[in-house]
Amino acid sequence: MSEDQRGLQNAAQKAALTAPVGEVIYWEDEGRKGNVVATDEHKYGDVLCRTFEQTVTIDGNDVEGKAN
């Protein structure tokens, strides 16, 4: 990925921190694209936690990831 594409991916991840749960944040640049979505939100003590799913497509190949 180019520096610009990494920047778009990072911006999407940051936007997903505060977007409503279930809202998909998309990015695309020069045929490469991705999305990130918060799929769950819960409290761990006083801390608000989210579960995320992300997909990045490079040269037609999808790479998926999940994180808590």
PDB file of N, CA and C in Angstrom:
ATOM      1  N   MET A   1       0.842  -1.179   0.000  1.00  0.00           N
ATOM      2  CA  MET A   1       0.000   0.000   0.000  1.00  0.00           C
ATOM      3  C   MET A   1       0.886   1.241   0.000  1.00  0.00           C
ATOM      4  N   SER A   2       0.390   2.269  -0.673  1.00  0.00           N
ATOM      5  CA  SER A   2       1.113   3.541  -0.692  1.00  0.00           C
ATOM      6  C   SER A   2       0.907   4.268   0.635  1.00  0.00           C
ATOM      7  N   GLU A   3       1.689   5.301   0.841  1.00  0.00           N
ATOM      8  CA  GLU A   3       1.544   6.113   2.045  1.00  0.00           C
ATOM      9  C   GLU A   3       0.151   6.733   2.119  1.00  0.00           C
ATOM     10  N   ASP A   4      -0.364   7.203   0.978  1.00  0.00           N
ATOM     11  CA  ASP A   4      -1.711   7.777   0.945  1.00  0.00           C
ATOM     12  C   ASP A   4      -2.759   6.734   1.318  1.00  0.00           C
ATOM     13  N   GLN A   5      -2.607   5.520   0.803  1.00  0.00           N
ATOM     14  CA  GLN A   5      -3.574   4.461   1.112  1.00  0.00           C
ATOM     15  C   GLN A   5      -3.515   4.082   2.586  1.00  0.00           C
ATOM     16  N   ARG A   6      -2.328   4.023   3.155  1.00  0.00           N
ATOM     17  CA  ARG A   6      -2.207   3.751   4.594  1.00  0.00           C
ATOM     18  C   ARG A   6      -2.868   4.872   5.395  1.00  0.00           C
ATOM     19  N   GLY A   7      -2.721   6.104   4.924  1.00  0.00           N
ATOM     20  CA  GLY A   7      -3.370   7.227   5.595  1.00  0.00           C
ATOM     21  C   GLY A   7      -4.882   7.115   5.550  1.00  0.00           C
ATOM     22  N   LEU A   8      -5.425   6.712   4.399  1.00  0.00           N
ATOM     23  CA  LEU A   8      -6.873   6.521   4.286  1.00  0.00           C
ATOM     24  C   LEU A   8      -7.356   5.396   5.195  1.00  0.00           C
ATOM     25  N   GLN A   9      -6.591   4.315   5.254  1.00  0.00           N
ATOM     26  CA  GLN A   9      -6.941   3.199   6.126  1.00  0.00           C
ATOM     27  C   GLN A   9      -6.927   3.639   7.587  1.00  0.00           C
ATOM     28  N   ASN A  10      -5.895   4.363   7.977  1.00  0.00           N
ATOM     29  CA  ASN A  10      -5.813   4.857   9.361  1.00  0.00           C
ATOM     30  C   ASN A  10      -6.958   5.801   9.692  1.00  0.00           C
ATOM     31  N   ALA A  11      -7.329   6.671   8.748  1.00  0.00           N
ATOM     32  CA  ALA A  11      -8.441   7.592   8.970  1.00  0.00           C
ATOM     33  C   ALA A  11      -9.750   6.831   9.136  1.00  0.00           C
ATOM     34  N   ALA A  12      -9.938   5.761   8.357  1.00  0.00           N
ATOM     35  CA  ALA A  12     -11.146   4.944   8.486  1.00  0.00           C
ATOM     36  C   ALA A  12     -11.191   4.271   9.856  1.00  0.00           C
ATOM     37  N   GLN A  13     -10.051   3.749  10.302  1.00  0.00           N
ATOM     38  CA  GLN A  13      -9.997   3.124  11.622  1.00  0.00           C
ATOM     39  C   GLN A  13     -10.326   4.132  12.720  1.00  0.00           C
ATOM     40  N   LYS A  14      -9.793   5.320  12.606  1.00  0.00           N
ATOM     41  CA  LYS A  14     -10.062   6.361  13.599  1.00  0.00           C
ATOM     42  C   LYS A  14     -11.540   6.753  13.595  1.00  0.00           C
ATOM     43  N   ALA A  15     -12.127   6.884  12.400  1.00  0.00           N
ATOM     44  CA  ALA A  15     -13.548   7.238  12.305  1.00  0.00           C
ATOM     45  C   ALA A  15     -14.426   6.161  12.928  1.00  0.00           C
ATOM     46  N   ALA A  16     -14.023   4.895  12.805  1.00  0.00           N
ATOM     47  CA  ALA A  16     -14.815   3.792  13.358  1.00  0.00           C
ATOM     48  C   ALA A  16     -14.834   3.794  14.879  1.00  0.00           C
ATOM     49  N   LEU A  17     -13.894   4.485  15.504  1.00  0.00           N
ATOM     50  CA  LEU A  17     -13.872   4.553  16.970  1.00  0.00           C
ATOM     51  C   LEU A  17     -15.089   5.271  17.524  1.00  0.00           C
ATOM     52  N   THR A  18     -15.618   6.232  16.766  1.00  0.00           N
ATOM     53  CA  THR A  18     -16.738   7.034  17.261  1.00  0.00           C
ATOM     54  C   THR A  18     -17.998   6.912  16.409  1.00  0.00           C
ATOM     55  N   ALA A  19     -17.917   6.246  15.263  1.00  0.00           N
ATOM     56  CA  ALA A  19     -19.105   6.063  14.413  1.00  0.00           C
ATOM     57  C   ALA A  19     -20.094   5.132  15.119  1.00  0.00           C
ATOM     58  N   PRO A  20     -21.375   5.225  14.781  1.00  0.00           N
ATOM     59  CA  PRO A  20     -22.335   4.287  15.370  1.00  0.00           C
ATOM     60  C   PRO A  20     -21.945   2.841  15.054  1.00  0.00           C
ATOM     61  N   VAL A  21     -22.189   1.949  16.015  1.00  0.00           N
ATOM     62  CA  VAL A  21     -21.933   0.524  15.798  1.00  0.00           C
ATOM     63  C   VAL A  21     -22.706   0.082  14.558  1.00  0.00           C
ATOM     64  N   GLY A  22     -22.049  -0.639  13.666  1.00  0.00           N
ATOM     65  CA  GLY A  22     -22.676  -1.120  12.443  1.00  0.00           C
ATOM     66  C   GLY A  22     -22.468  -0.235  11.227  1.00  0.00           C
ATOM     67  N   GLU A  23     -22.007   0.999  11.439  1.00  0.00           N
ATOM     68  CA  GLU A  23     -21.757   1.891  10.301  1.00  0.00           C
ATOM     69  C   GLU A  23     -20.419   1.538   9.658  1.00  0.00           C
ATOM     70  N   VAL A  24     -20.448   1.204   8.379  1.00  0.00           N
ATOM     71  CA  VAL A  24     -19.238   0.806   7.666  1.00  0.00           C
ATOM     72  C   VAL A  24     -18.540   2.052   7.133  1.00  0.00           C
ATOM     73  N   ILE A  25     -17.256   2.177   7.426  1.00  0.00           N
ATOM     74  CA  ILE A  25     -16.445   3.289   6.960  1.00  0.00           C
ATOM     75  C   ILE A  25     -15.599   2.762   5.794  1.00  0.00           C
ATOM     76  N   TYR A  26     -15.760   3.357   4.615  1.00  0.00           N
ATOM     77  CA  TYR A  26     -15.085   2.905   3.397  1.00  0.00           C
ATOM     78  C   TYR A  26     -13.967   3.864   2.994  1.00  0.00           C
ATOM     79  N   TRP A  27     -12.961   3.321   2.311  1.00  0.00           N
ATOM     80  CA  TRP A  27     -11.952   4.139   1.649  1.00  0.00           C
ATOM     81  C   TRP A  27     -11.567   3.431   0.351  1.00  0.00           C
ATOM     82  N   GLU A  28     -11.089   4.219  -0.635  1.00  0.00           N
ATOM     83  CA  GLU A  28     -10.646   3.661  -1.916  1.00  0.00           C
ATOM     84  C   GLU A  28      -9.658   4.626  -2.559  1.00  0.00           C
ATOM     85  N   ASP A  29      -8.608   4.062  -3.173  1.00  0.00           N
ATOM     86  CA  ASP A  29      -7.596   4.869  -3.840  1.00  0.00           C
ATOM     87  C   ASP A  29      -6.872   3.997  -4.853  1.00  0.00           C
ATOM     88  N   GLU A  30      -6.892   4.386  -6.109  1.00  0.00           N
ATOM     89  CA  GLU A  30      -6.159   3.720  -7.183  1.00  0.00           C
ATOM     90  C   GLU A  30      -6.368   2.203  -7.220  1.00  0.00           C
ATOM     91  N   GLY A  31      -7.631   1.774  -7.120  1.00  0.00           N
ATOM     92  CA  GLY A  31      -7.960   0.352  -7.225  1.00  0.00           C
ATOM     93  C   GLY A  31      -7.791  -0.437  -5.945  1.00  0.00           C
ATOM     94  N   ARG A  32      -7.248   0.161  -4.936  1.00  0.00           N
ATOM     95  CA  ARG A  32      -7.144  -0.493  -3.638  1.00  0.00           C
ATOM     96  C   ARG A  32      -8.208   0.111  -2.740  1.00  0.00           C
ATOM     97  N   LYS A  33      -8.796  -0.729  -1.904  1.00  0.00           N
ATOM     98  CA  LYS A  33      -9.912  -0.252  -1.093  1.00  0.00           C
ATOM     99  C   LYS A  33      -9.986  -1.032   0.204  1.00  0.00           C
ATOM    100  N   GLY A  34     -10.818  -0.533   1.089  1.00  0.00           N
ATOM    101  CA  GLY A  34     -11.012  -1.215   2.352  1.00  0.00           C
ATOM    102  C   GLY A  34     -12.190  -0.639   3.098  1.00  0.00           C
ATOM    103  N   ASN A  35     -12.517  -1.301   4.188  1.00  0.00           N
ATOM    104  CA  ASN A  35     -13.572  -0.815   5.063  1.00  0.00           C
ATOM    105  C   ASN A  35     -13.315  -1.309   6.473  1.00  0.00           C
ATOM    106  N   VAL A  36     -13.895  -0.616   7.425  1.00  0.00           N
ATOM    107  CA  VAL A  36     -13.807  -0.996   8.833  1.00  0.00           C
ATOM    108  C   VAL A  36     -15.154  -0.687   9.475  1.00  0.00           C
ATOM    109  N   VAL A  37     -15.577  -1.551  10.399  1.00  0.00           N
ATOM    110  CA  VAL A  37     -16.859  -1.379  11.073  1.00  0.00           C
ATOM    111  C   VAL A  37     -16.725  -1.843  12.518  1.00  0.00           C
ATOM    112  N   ALA A  38     -17.311  -1.077  13.427  1.00  0.00           N
ATOM    113  CA  ALA A  38     -17.430  -1.518  14.816  1.00  0.00           C
ATOM    114  C   ALA A  38     -18.655  -2.427  14.871  1.00  0.00           C
ATOM    115  N   THR A  39     -18.452  -3.675  15.279  1.00  0.00           N
ATOM    116  CA  THR A  39     -19.547  -4.647  15.265  1.00  0.00           C
ATOM    117  C   THR A  39     -20.202  -4.839  16.626  1.00  0.00           C
ATOM    118  N   ASP A  40     -19.530  -4.358  17.675  1.00  0.00           N
ATOM    119  CA  ASP A  40     -20.057  -4.553  19.026  1.00  0.00           C
ATOM    120  C   ASP A  40     -19.467  -3.471  19.930  1.00  0.00           C
ATOM    121  N   GLU A  41     -20.239  -3.128  20.947  1.00  0.00           N
ATOM    122  CA  GLU A  41     -19.764  -2.159  21.927  1.00  0.00           C
ATOM    123  C   GLU A  41     -20.213  -2.640  23.292  1.00  0.00           C
ATOM    124  N   HIS A  42     -19.311  -2.635  24.249  1.00  0.00           N
ATOM    125  CA  HIS A  42     -19.634  -3.108  25.588  1.00  0.00           C
ATOM    126  C   HIS A  42     -18.734  -2.418  26.611  1.00  0.00           C
ATOM    127  N   LYS A  43     -19.123  -2.502  27.849  1.00  0.00           N
ATOM    128  CA  LYS A  43     -18.336  -1.924  28.940  1.00  0.00           C
ATOM    129  C   LYS A  43     -17.501  -3.017  29.594  1.00  0.00           C
ATOM    130  N   TYR A  44     -16.266  -2.683  29.905  1.00  0.00           N
ATOM    131  CA  TYR A  44     -15.388  -3.525  30.692  1.00  0.00           C
ATOM    132  C   TYR A  44     -15.020  -2.683  31.900  1.00  0.00           C
ATOM    133  N   GLY A  45     -15.775  -2.859  32.970  1.00  0.00           N
ATOM    134  CA  GLY A  45     -15.662  -1.945  34.104  1.00  0.00           C
ATOM    135  C   GLY A  45     -16.187  -0.589  33.678  1.00  0.00           C
ATOM    136  N   ASP A  46     -15.370   0.426  33.813  1.00  0.00           N
ATOM    137  CA  ASP A  46     -15.759   1.778  33.387  1.00  0.00           C
ATOM    138  C   ASP A  46     -15.283   2.108  31.980  1.00  0.00           C
ATOM    139  N   VAL A  47     -14.631   1.151  31.324  1.00  0.00           N
ATOM    140  CA  VAL A  47     -14.038   1.404  30.007  1.00  0.00           C
ATOM    141  C   VAL A  47     -14.983   0.922  28.902  1.00  0.00           C
ATOM    142  N   LEU A  48     -15.246   1.789  27.936  1.00  0.00           N
ATOM    143  CA  LEU A  48     -16.057   1.429  26.784  1.00  0.00           C
ATOM    144  C   LEU A  48     -15.168   0.734  25.759  1.00  0.00           C
ATOM    145  N   CYS A  49     -15.541  -0.470  25.354  1.00  0.00           N
ATOM    146  CA  CYS A  49     -14.753  -1.268  24.418  1.00  0.00           C
ATOM    147  C   CYS A  49     -15.573  -1.542  23.160  1.00  0.00           C
ATOM    148  N   ARG A  50     -14.878  -1.731  22.039  1.00  0.00           N
ATOM    149  CA  ARG A  50     -15.520  -2.057  20.768  1.00  0.00           C
ATOM    150  C   ARG A  50     -14.798  -3.215  20.103  1.00  0.00           C
ATOM    151  N   THR A  51     -15.559  -3.977  19.332  1.00  0.00           N
ATOM    152  CA  THR A  51     -15.011  -5.016  18.474  1.00  0.00           C
ATOM    153  C   THR A  51     -15.098  -4.508  17.047  1.00  0.00           C
ATOM    154  N   PHE A  52     -14.010  -4.682  16.280  1.00  0.00           N
ATOM    155  CA  PHE A  52     -13.931  -4.173  14.913  1.00  0.00           C
ATOM    156  C   PHE A  52     -13.682  -5.298  13.924  1.00  0.00           C
ATOM    157  N   GLU A  53     -14.209  -5.129  12.715  1.00  0.00           N
ATOM    158  CA  GLU A  53     -13.873  -5.974  11.583  1.00  0.00           C
ATOM    159  C   GLU A  53     -13.376  -5.060  10.471  1.00  0.00           C
ATOM    160  N   GLN A  54     -12.343  -5.521   9.775  1.00  0.00           N
ATOM    161  CA  GLN A  54     -11.745  -4.705   8.719  1.00  0.00           C
ATOM    162  C   GLN A  54     -11.410  -5.586   7.523  1.00  0.00           C
ATOM    163  N   THR A  55     -11.610  -5.044   6.327  1.00  0.00           N
ATOM    164  CA  THR A  55     -11.219  -5.718   5.095  1.00  0.00           C
ATOM    165  C   THR A  55     -10.411  -4.740   4.254  1.00  0.00           C
ATOM    166  N   VAL A  56      -9.305  -5.225   3.700  1.00  0.00           N
ATOM    167  CA  VAL A  56      -8.495  -4.449   2.767  1.00  0.00           C
ATOM    168  C   VAL A  56      -8.358  -5.281   1.496  1.00  0.00           C
ATOM    169  N   THR A  57      -8.604  -4.665   0.342  1.00  0.00           N
ATOM    170  CA  THR A  57      -8.492  -5.345  -0.945  1.00  0.00           C
ATOM    171  C   THR A  57      -7.325  -4.741  -1.728  1.00  0.00           C
ATOM    172  N   ILE A  58      -6.330  -5.589  -2.013  1.00  0.00           N
ATOM    173  CA  ILE A  58      -5.147  -5.170  -2.760  1.00  0.00           C
ATOM    174  C   ILE A  58      -4.970  -6.138  -3.921  1.00  0.00           C
ATOM    175  N   ASP A  59      -4.957  -5.599  -5.134  1.00  0.00           N
ATOM    176  CA  ASP A  59      -4.789  -6.416  -6.337  1.00  0.00           C
ATOM    177  C   ASP A  59      -5.803  -7.556  -6.389  1.00  0.00           C
ATOM    178  N   GLY A  60      -7.042  -7.268  -5.980  1.00  0.00           N
ATOM    179  CA  GLY A  60      -8.127  -8.242  -6.049  1.00  0.00           C
ATOM    180  C   GLY A  60      -8.156  -9.247  -4.912  1.00  0.00           C
ATOM    181  N   ASN A  61      -7.214  -9.179  -3.993  1.00  0.00           N
ATOM    182  CA  ASN A  61      -7.159 -10.107  -2.871  1.00  0.00           C
ATOM    183  C   ASN A  61      -7.653  -9.435  -1.602  1.00  0.00           C
ATOM    184  N   ASP A  62      -8.648 -10.039  -0.947  1.00  0.00           N
ATOM    185  CA  ASP A  62      -9.180  -9.515   0.303  1.00  0.00           C
ATOM    186  C   ASP A  62      -8.387 -10.055   1.487  1.00  0.00           C
ATOM    187  N   VAL A  63      -8.069  -9.173   2.407  1.00  0.00           N
ATOM    188  CA  VAL A  63      -7.450  -9.543   3.680  1.00  0.00           C
ATOM    189  C   VAL A  63      -8.393  -9.045   4.761  1.00  0.00           C
ATOM    190  N   GLU A  64      -8.851  -9.948   5.615  1.00  0.00           N
ATOM    191  CA  GLU A  64      -9.801  -9.592   6.652  1.00  0.00           C
ATOM    192  C   GLU A  64      -9.149  -9.702   8.014  1.00  0.00           C
ATOM    193  N   GLY A  65      -9.606  -8.855   8.935  1.00  0.00           N
ATOM    194  CA  GLY A  65      -9.100  -8.904  10.286  1.00  0.00           C
ATOM    195  C   GLY A  65     -10.171  -8.515  11.287  1.00  0.00           C
ATOM    196  N   LYS A  66     -10.017  -8.990  12.494  1.00  0.00           N
ATOM    197  CA  LYS A  66     -10.920  -8.650  13.591  1.00  0.00           C
ATOM    198  C   LYS A  66     -10.070  -8.244  14.780  1.00  0.00           C
ATOM    199  N   ALA A  67     -10.571  -7.293  15.556  1.00  0.00           N
ATOM    200  CA  ALA A  67      -9.845  -6.832  16.738  1.00  0.00           C
ATOM    201  C   ALA A  67     -10.815  -6.413  17.817  1.00  0.00           C
ATOM    202  N   ASN A  68     -10.407  -6.578  19.032  1.00  0.00           N
ATOM    203  CA  ASN A  68     -11.196  -6.095  20.188  1.00  0.00           C
ATOM    204  C   ASN A  68     -10.471  -4.938  20.809  1.00  0.00           C
TER     205      ASN A  68
END
